[in-house]
C-alpha atoms as a PDB file:
ATOM      1  CA  UNK A   1     -20.946  29.113 -25.415  1.00  0.00           C
ATOM      2  CA  UNK A   2     -18.123  30.059 -27.755  1.00  0.00           C
ATOM      3  CA  UNK A   3     -16.793  33.511 -27.047  1.00  0.00           C
ATOM      4  CA  UNK A   4     -14.239  36.015 -28.291  1.00  0.00           C
ATOM      5  CA  UNK A   5     -11.331  34.167 -26.699  1.00  0.00           C
ATOM      6  CA  UNK A   6     -11.739  31.092 -28.899  1.00  0.00           C
ATOM      7  CA  UNK A   7      -9.469  30.343 -31.831  1.00  0.00           C
ATOM      8  CA  UNK A   8      -6.257  28.382 -31.837  1.00  0.00           C
ATOM      9  CA  UNK A   9      -5.898  26.156 -28.727  1.00  0.00           C
ATOM     10  CA  UNK A  10      -4.979  28.373 -25.805  1.00  0.00           C
ATOM     11  CA  UNK A  11      -4.491  25.678 -23.204  1.00  0.00           C
ATOM     12  CA  UNK A  12      -2.764  22.295 -23.606  1.00  0.00           C
ATOM     13  CA  UNK A  13      -3.116  19.438 -21.132  1.00  0.00           C
ATOM     14  CA  UNK A  14      -0.798  16.446 -21.051  1.00  0.00           C
ATOM     15  CA  UNK A  15      -2.664  13.265 -20.105  1.00  0.00           C
ATOM     16  CA  UNK A  16       0.021  11.036 -18.589  1.00  0.00           C
ATOM     17  CA  UNK A  17      -0.902   7.372 -19.078  1.00  0.00           C
ATOM     18  CA  UNK A  18       0.692   4.309 -17.513  1.00  0.00           C
ATOM     19  CA  UNK A  19       0.163   0.729 -18.626  1.00  0.00           C
ATOM     20  CA  UNK A  20      -2.725  -0.644 -16.547  1.00  0.00           C
ATOM     21  CA  UNK A  21      -4.498   2.729 -16.449  1.00  0.00           C
ATOM     22  CA  UNK A  22      -8.171   2.759 -15.469  1.00  0.00           C
ATOM     23  CA  UNK A  23     -10.063   3.807 -18.578  1.00  0.00           C
ATOM     24  CA  UNK A  24     -12.854   5.615 -16.707  1.00  0.00           C
ATOM     25  CA  UNK A  25     -10.361   7.941 -15.049  1.00  0.00           C
ATOM     26  CA  UNK A  26      -8.532   8.714 -18.286  1.00  0.00           C
ATOM     27  CA  UNK A  27     -11.813   9.184 -20.175  1.00  0.00           C
ATOM     28  CA  UNK A  28     -13.073  11.715 -17.637  1.00  0.00           C
ATOM     29  CA  UNK A  29     -10.255  14.031 -18.672  1.00  0.00           C
ATOM     30  CA  UNK A  30     -10.666  13.482 -22.425  1.00  0.00           C
ATOM     31  CA  UNK A  31     -14.458  13.907 -22.279  1.00  0.00           C
ATOM     32  CA  UNK A  32     -14.730  16.864 -19.906  1.00  0.00           C
ATOM     33  CA  UNK A  33     -11.850  18.723 -21.517  1.00  0.00           C
ATOM     34  CA  UNK A  34     -13.232  17.795 -24.932  1.00  0.00           C
ATOM     35  CA  UNK A  35     -16.590  19.349 -24.039  1.00  0.00           C
ATOM     36  CA  UNK A  36     -14.744  22.411 -22.779  1.00  0.00           C
ATOM     37  CA  UNK A  37     -12.750  22.609 -25.995  1.00  0.00           C
ATOM     38  CA  UNK A  38     -15.902  22.386 -28.116  1.00  0.00           C
ATOM     39  CA  UNK A  39     -18.370  24.440 -26.075  1.00  0.00           C
ATOM     40  CA  UNK A  40     -16.324  26.379 -23.538  1.00  0.00           C
ATOM     41  CA  UNK A  41     -14.952  29.891 -23.408  1.00  0.00           C
ATOM     42  CA  UNK A  42     -11.415  28.804 -24.342  1.00  0.00           C
ATOM     43  CA  UNK A  43      -9.935  26.033 -26.437  1.00  0.00           C
ATOM     44  CA  UNK A  44      -8.310  23.148 -24.534  1.00  0.00           C
ATOM     45  CA  UNK A  45      -6.220  20.526 -26.305  1.00  0.00           C
ATOM     46  CA  UNK A  46      -5.498  17.153 -24.662  1.00  0.00           C
ATOM     47  CA  UNK A  47      -2.413  15.173 -25.658  1.00  0.00           C
ATOM     48  CA  UNK A  48      -2.071  11.598 -24.383  1.00  0.00           C
ATOM     49  CA  UNK A  49       1.442  10.357 -23.637  1.00  0.00           C
ATOM     50  CA  UNK A  50       2.881   7.091 -22.364  1.00  0.00           C
ATOM     51  CA  UNK A  51       6.061   5.079 -22.162  1.00  0.00           C
ATOM     52  CA  UNK A  52       4.765   2.473 -24.627  1.00  0.00           C
ATOM     53  CA  UNK A  53       3.217   2.711 -28.093  1.00  0.00           C
ATOM     54  CA  UNK A  54       0.234   0.669 -26.894  1.00  0.00           C
ATOM     55  CA  UNK A  55      -1.154   0.629 -23.351  1.00  0.00           C
ATOM     56  CA  UNK A  56      -3.417  -2.024 -21.869  1.00  0.00           C
ATOM     57  CA  UNK A  57      -6.173  -0.642 -19.654  1.00  0.00           C
ATOM     58  CA  UNK A  58      -7.055  -2.202 -16.305  1.00  0.00           C
ATOM     59  CA  UNK A  59     -10.076  -4.059 -17.644  1.00  0.00           C
ATOM     60  CA  UNK A  60      -8.991  -4.825 -21.160  1.00  0.00           C
ATOM     61  CA  UNK A  61      -9.174  -2.249 -23.971  1.00  0.00           C
ATOM     62  CA  UNK A  62      -5.929  -0.950 -25.415  1.00  0.00           C
ATOM     63  CA  UNK A  63      -5.043   2.719 -25.751  1.00  0.00           C
ATOM     64  CA  UNK A  64      -2.615   4.193 -28.258  1.00  0.00           C
ATOM     65  CA  UNK A  65      -0.982   7.373 -26.920  1.00  0.00           C
ATOM     66  CA  UNK A  66      -0.662  10.385 -29.198  1.00  0.00           C
ATOM     67  CA  UNK A  67       3.043  10.592 -28.378  1.00  0.00           C
ATOM     68  CA  UNK A  68       5.681   8.682 -26.462  1.00  0.00           C
ATOM     69  CA  UNK A  69       6.955  10.291 -23.306  1.00  0.00           C
ATOM     70  CA  UNK A  70      10.445  10.920 -24.663  1.00  0.00           C
ATOM     71  CA  UNK A  71       8.867  13.173 -27.293  1.00  0.00           C
ATOM     72  CA  UNK A  72       7.168  15.378 -24.687  1.00  0.00           C
ATOM     73  CA  UNK A  73       8.391  18.833 -23.701  1.00  0.00           C
ATOM     74  CA  UNK A  74       6.564  19.820 -20.483  1.00  0.00           C
ATOM     75  CA  UNK A  75       7.179  23.476 -21.310  1.00  0.00           C
ATOM     76  CA  UNK A  76       4.718  23.101 -24.211  1.00  0.00           C
ATOM     77  CA  UNK A  77       1.820  22.307 -21.843  1.00  0.00           C
ATOM     78  CA  UNK A  78      -0.264  24.222 -19.327  1.00  0.00           C
ATOM     79  CA  UNK A  79      -1.326  21.353 -17.049  1.00  0.00           C
ATOM     80  CA  UNK A  80      -0.794  17.671 -16.290  1.00  0.00           C
ATOM     81  CA  UNK A  81      -3.479  15.026 -15.711  1.00  0.00           C
ATOM     82  CA  UNK A  82      -2.634  11.682 -14.088  1.00  0.00           C
ATOM     83  CA  UNK A  83      -5.320   8.966 -13.928  1.00  0.00           C
ATOM     84  CA  UNK A  84      -4.799   5.946 -11.696  1.00  0.00           C
ATOM     85  CA  UNK A  85      -4.787   2.230 -12.408  1.00  0.00           C
ATOM     86  CA  UNK A  86      -4.488  -1.244 -10.914  1.00  0.00           C
ATOM     87  CA  UNK A  87      -1.353  -2.897  -9.533  1.00  0.00           C
ATOM     88  CA  UNK A  88      -2.452  -6.264 -10.944  1.00  0.00           C
ATOM     89  CA  UNK A  89      -2.608  -4.678 -14.415  1.00  0.00           C
ATOM     90  CA  UNK A  90       0.965  -3.390 -14.116  1.00  0.00           C
ATOM     91  CA  UNK A  91       0.173   0.252 -13.399  1.00  0.00           C
ATOM     92  CA  UNK A  92       3.138   0.913 -11.117  1.00  0.00           C
ATOM     93  CA  UNK A  93       5.710  -0.476 -13.546  1.00  0.00           C
ATOM     94  CA  UNK A  94       5.225   2.612 -15.706  1.00  0.00           C
ATOM     95  CA  UNK A  95       3.897   4.996 -13.055  1.00  0.00           C
ATOM     96  CA  UNK A  96       7.002   4.584 -10.873  1.00  0.00           C
ATOM     97  CA  UNK A  97       9.500   4.690 -13.755  1.00  0.00           C
ATOM     98  CA  UNK A  98      11.882   7.639 -13.597  1.00  0.00           C
ATOM     99  CA  UNK A  99      10.872   9.145 -16.989  1.00  0.00           C
ATOM    100  CA  UNK A 100       7.241   9.167 -15.786  1.00  0.00           C
ATOM    101  CA  UNK A 101       8.218  10.774 -12.476  1.00  0.00           C
ATOM    102  CA  UNK A 102      10.490  13.300 -14.195  1.00  0.00           C
ATOM    103  CA  UNK A 103       7.527  14.675 -16.145  1.00  0.00           C
ATOM    104  CA  UNK A 104       5.600  15.189 -12.909  1.00  0.00           C
ATOM    105  CA  UNK A 105       8.589  16.972 -11.353  1.00  0.00           C
ATOM    106  CA  UNK A 106       8.919  19.239 -14.376  1.00  0.00           C
ATOM    107  CA  UNK A 107       5.296  20.384 -14.187  1.00  0.00           C
ATOM    108  CA  UNK A 108       5.563  21.034 -10.458  1.00  0.00           C
ATOM    109  CA  UNK A 109       8.846  22.932 -10.815  1.00  0.00           C
ATOM    110  CA  UNK A 110       7.086  25.214 -13.294  1.00  0.00           C
ATOM    111  CA  UNK A 111       4.151  25.680 -10.898  1.00  0.00           C
ATOM    112  CA  UNK A 112       1.706  24.219 -13.415  1.00  0.00           C
ATOM    113  CA  UNK A 113      -1.520  22.450 -12.351  1.00  0.00           C
ATOM    114  CA  UNK A 114      -1.283  18.701 -11.721  1.00  0.00           C
ATOM    115  CA  UNK A 115      -4.561  16.785 -11.363  1.00  0.00           C
ATOM    116  CA  UNK A 116      -4.364  13.178 -10.177  1.00  0.00           C
ATOM    117  CA  UNK A 117      -7.268  10.777  -9.719  1.00  0.00           C
ATOM    118  CA  UNK A 118      -7.302   7.934  -7.178  1.00  0.00           C
ATOM    119  CA  UNK A 119      -3.909   6.147  -7.051  1.00  0.00           C
ATOM    120  CA  UNK A 120      -2.640   8.555  -9.700  1.00  0.00           C
ATOM    121  CA  UNK A 121      -1.641  10.460  -6.557  1.00  0.00           C
ATOM    122  CA  UNK A 122       0.989   7.814  -5.751  1.00  0.00           C
ATOM    123  CA  UNK A 123       3.408   8.503  -8.618  1.00  0.00           C
ATOM    124  CA  UNK A 124       2.938  12.213  -7.908  1.00  0.00           C
ATOM    125  CA  UNK A 125       3.946  11.510  -4.319  1.00  0.00           C
ATOM    126  CA  UNK A 126       6.779   9.157  -5.262  1.00  0.00           C
ATOM    127  CA  UNK A 127       8.226  11.921  -7.447  1.00  0.00           C
ATOM    128  CA  UNK A 128       8.704  13.962  -4.261  1.00  0.00           C
ATOM    129  CA  UNK A 129       6.189  16.605  -5.288  1.00  0.00           C
ATOM    130  CA  UNK A 130       3.830  15.893  -2.370  1.00  0.00           C
ATOM    131  CA  UNK A 131       6.405  15.792   0.408  1.00  0.00           C
ATOM    132  CA  UNK A 132       4.995  17.848   3.280  1.00  0.00           C
ATOM    133  CA  UNK A 133       1.868  18.713   1.321  1.00  0.00           C
ATOM    134  CA  UNK A 134      -1.782  17.795   1.838  1.00  0.00           C
ATOM    135  CA  UNK A 135      -3.123  15.055  -0.428  1.00  0.00           C
ATOM    136  CA  UNK A 136      -5.495  12.115  -0.646  1.00  0.00           C
ATOM    137  CA  UNK A 137      -5.878   8.848  -2.531  1.00  0.00           C
ATOM    138  CA  UNK A 138      -7.928   5.636  -2.509  1.00  0.00           C
ATOM    139  CA  UNK A 139      -8.841   4.618   1.046  1.00  0.00           C
ATOM    140  CA  UNK A 140     -10.628   1.246   0.769  1.00  0.00           C
ATOM    141  CA  UNK A 141      -9.287  -2.338   0.457  1.00  0.00           C
ATOM    142  CA  UNK A 142      -7.268  -2.048   3.643  1.00  0.00           C
ATOM    143  CA  UNK A 143      -6.124   1.531   3.204  1.00  0.00           C
ATOM    144  CA  UNK A 144      -2.802   0.436   1.670  1.00  0.00           C
ATOM    145  CA  UNK A 145      -2.780   3.245  -0.888  1.00  0.00           C
ATOM    146  CA  UNK A 146      -3.080   5.874   1.832  1.00  0.00           C
ATOM    147  CA  UNK A 147      -0.281   4.207   3.788  1.00  0.00           C
ATOM    148  CA  UNK A 148       1.908   4.427   0.695  1.00  0.00           C
ATOM    149  CA  UNK A 149       0.948   8.071   0.222  1.00  0.00           C
ATOM    150  CA  UNK A 150       1.983   8.834   3.790  1.00  0.00           C
ATOM    151  CA  UNK A 151       5.181   6.845   3.266  1.00  0.00           C
ATOM    152  CA  UNK A 152       6.102   9.176   0.435  1.00  0.00           C
ATOM    153  CA  UNK A 153       5.884  12.128   2.812  1.00  0.00           C
ATOM    154  CA  UNK A 154       2.407  13.480   2.080  1.00  0.00           C
ATOM    155  CA  UNK A 155       0.026  14.704   4.766  1.00  0.00           C
ATOM    156  CA  UNK A 156      -2.950  12.422   4.117  1.00  0.00           C
ATOM    157  CA  UNK A 157      -6.336  14.123   4.285  1.00  0.00           C
ATOM    158  CA  UNK A 158      -9.600  12.175   4.510  1.00  0.00           C
ATOM    159  CA  UNK A 159     -11.476  14.082   1.813  1.00  0.00           C
ATOM    160  CA  UNK A 160     -12.791  13.268  -1.652  1.00  0.00           C
ATOM    161  CA  UNK A 161     -10.738  15.949  -3.403  1.00  0.00           C
ATOM    162  CA  UNK A 162      -7.773  17.816  -1.952  1.00  0.00           C
ATOM    163  CA  UNK A 163      -5.949  20.754  -3.477  1.00  0.00           C
ATOM    164  CA  UNK A 164      -2.614  21.935  -2.146  1.00  0.00           C
ATOM    165  CA  UNK A 165      -1.148  24.677  -4.282  1.00  0.00           C
ATOM    166  CA  UNK A 166      -0.922  23.500  -7.870  1.00  0.00           C
ATOM    167  CA  UNK A 167      -1.696  19.829  -7.098  1.00  0.00           C
ATOM    168  CA  UNK A 168      -5.134  18.193  -6.952  1.00  0.00           C
ATOM    169  CA  UNK A 169      -5.571  14.631  -5.680  1.00  0.00           C
ATOM    170  CA  UNK A 170      -8.702  12.552  -5.174  1.00  0.00           C
ATOM    171  CA  UNK A 171     -10.004   9.323  -3.679  1.00  0.00           C
ATOM    172  CA  UNK A 172     -11.347   7.173  -6.482  1.00  0.00           C
ATOM    173  CA  UNK A 173     -13.073   6.696  -9.849  1.00  0.00           C
ATOM    174  CA  UNK A 174     -16.206   8.495  -8.611  1.00  0.00           C
ATOM    175  CA  UNK A 175     -14.203  11.719  -8.397  1.00  0.00           C
ATOM    176  CA  UNK A 176     -13.025  11.561 -12.012  1.00  0.00           C
ATOM    177  CA  UNK A 177     -15.477  14.050 -13.509  1.00  0.00           C
ATOM    178  CA  UNK A 178     -15.307  16.504 -10.564  1.00  0.00           C
ATOM    179  CA  UNK A 179     -11.504  16.535 -10.796  1.00  0.00           C
ATOM    180  CA  UNK A 180     -11.610  17.107 -14.553  1.00  0.00           C
ATOM    181  CA  UNK A 181     -14.086  19.953 -14.049  1.00  0.00           C
ATOM    182  CA  UNK A 182     -11.833  21.422 -11.364  1.00  0.00           C
ATOM    183  CA  UNK A 183      -9.015  21.418 -13.912  1.00  0.00           C
ATOM    184  CA  UNK A 184     -11.243  23.256 -16.403  1.00  0.00           C
ATOM    185  CA  UNK A 185     -11.970  25.814 -13.681  1.00  0.00           C
ATOM    186  CA  UNK A 186      -8.270  26.348 -12.984  1.00  0.00           C
ATOM    187  CA  UNK A 187      -7.333  26.619 -16.659  1.00  0.00           C
ATOM    188  CA  UNK A 188     -10.223  28.894 -17.632  1.00  0.00           C
ATOM    189  CA  UNK A 189     -12.769  30.127 -15.075  1.00  0.00           C
ATOM    190  CA  UNK A 190     -15.351  28.913 -12.542  1.00  0.00           C
ATOM    191  CA  UNK A 191     -18.090  30.196 -14.849  1.00  0.00           C
ATOM    192  CA  UNK A 192     -16.784  28.153 -17.760  1.00  0.00           C
ATOM    193  CA  UNK A 193     -16.487  25.009 -15.623  1.00  0.00           C
ATOM    194  CA  UNK A 194     -20.055  25.493 -14.388  1.00  0.00           C
ATOM    195  CA  UNK A 195     -21.260  25.852 -17.972  1.00  0.00           C
ATOM    196  CA  UNK A 196     -19.529  22.616 -19.025  1.00  0.00           C
ATOM    197  CA  UNK A 197     -20.936  20.806 -15.987  1.00  0.00           C
ATOM    198  CA  UNK A 198     -24.441  21.938 -16.968  1.00  0.00           C
ATOM    199  CA  UNK A 199     -24.022  21.072 -20.648  1.00  0.00           C
ATOM    200  CA  UNK A 200     -22.843  17.563 -19.735  1.00  0.00           C
ATOM    201  CA  UNK A 201     -25.858  17.099 -17.471  1.00  0.00           C
ATOM    202  CA  UNK A 202     -24.060  16.896 -14.136  1.00  0.00           C
ATOM    203  CA  UNK A 203     -25.596  18.476 -11.066  1.00  0.00           C
ATOM    204  CA  UNK A 204     -23.832  21.450  -9.554  1.00  0.00           C
END
């Protein structure tokens, strides 16, 4: 539980949200990192950012980001989280916009962790960050997402979660919690991530 290293937030994670984001994938980051902030060995603050003052999720609810993207200084954060979304809900309009991609590039240039779930890997790849690097994304419904990933220069790997250097990518909504826990592990420690997994009731 809480230890000597707790106090003011030590780690800050930017949750990068596009219009049409899948709520489950975004919520995995806020919940897992929230549990880690409350019960873990180190404080972790999550800040949600988007290009719009109100974002419509894939299946309906609206989200209000903490800040707009033009107010974000990547240097103030320790890691970036990128949930995916649906094309029909307009996800790629924001996710492929240059200000969105510039944030991804800034985190990679600084060598900071980037964790992307499902098609959240596609804006990471479109930014150029995954060129020549191993990555994965959603593989069903004709495999179009993986074709796009390859088209952006990534080496597509058929695995649920792939880490290449500072970038984590994954295959779908079912990987949301494991990816968020992996980010906790990177930001703090494997022991802390295991503790949060246990406290949340997930099997090891």
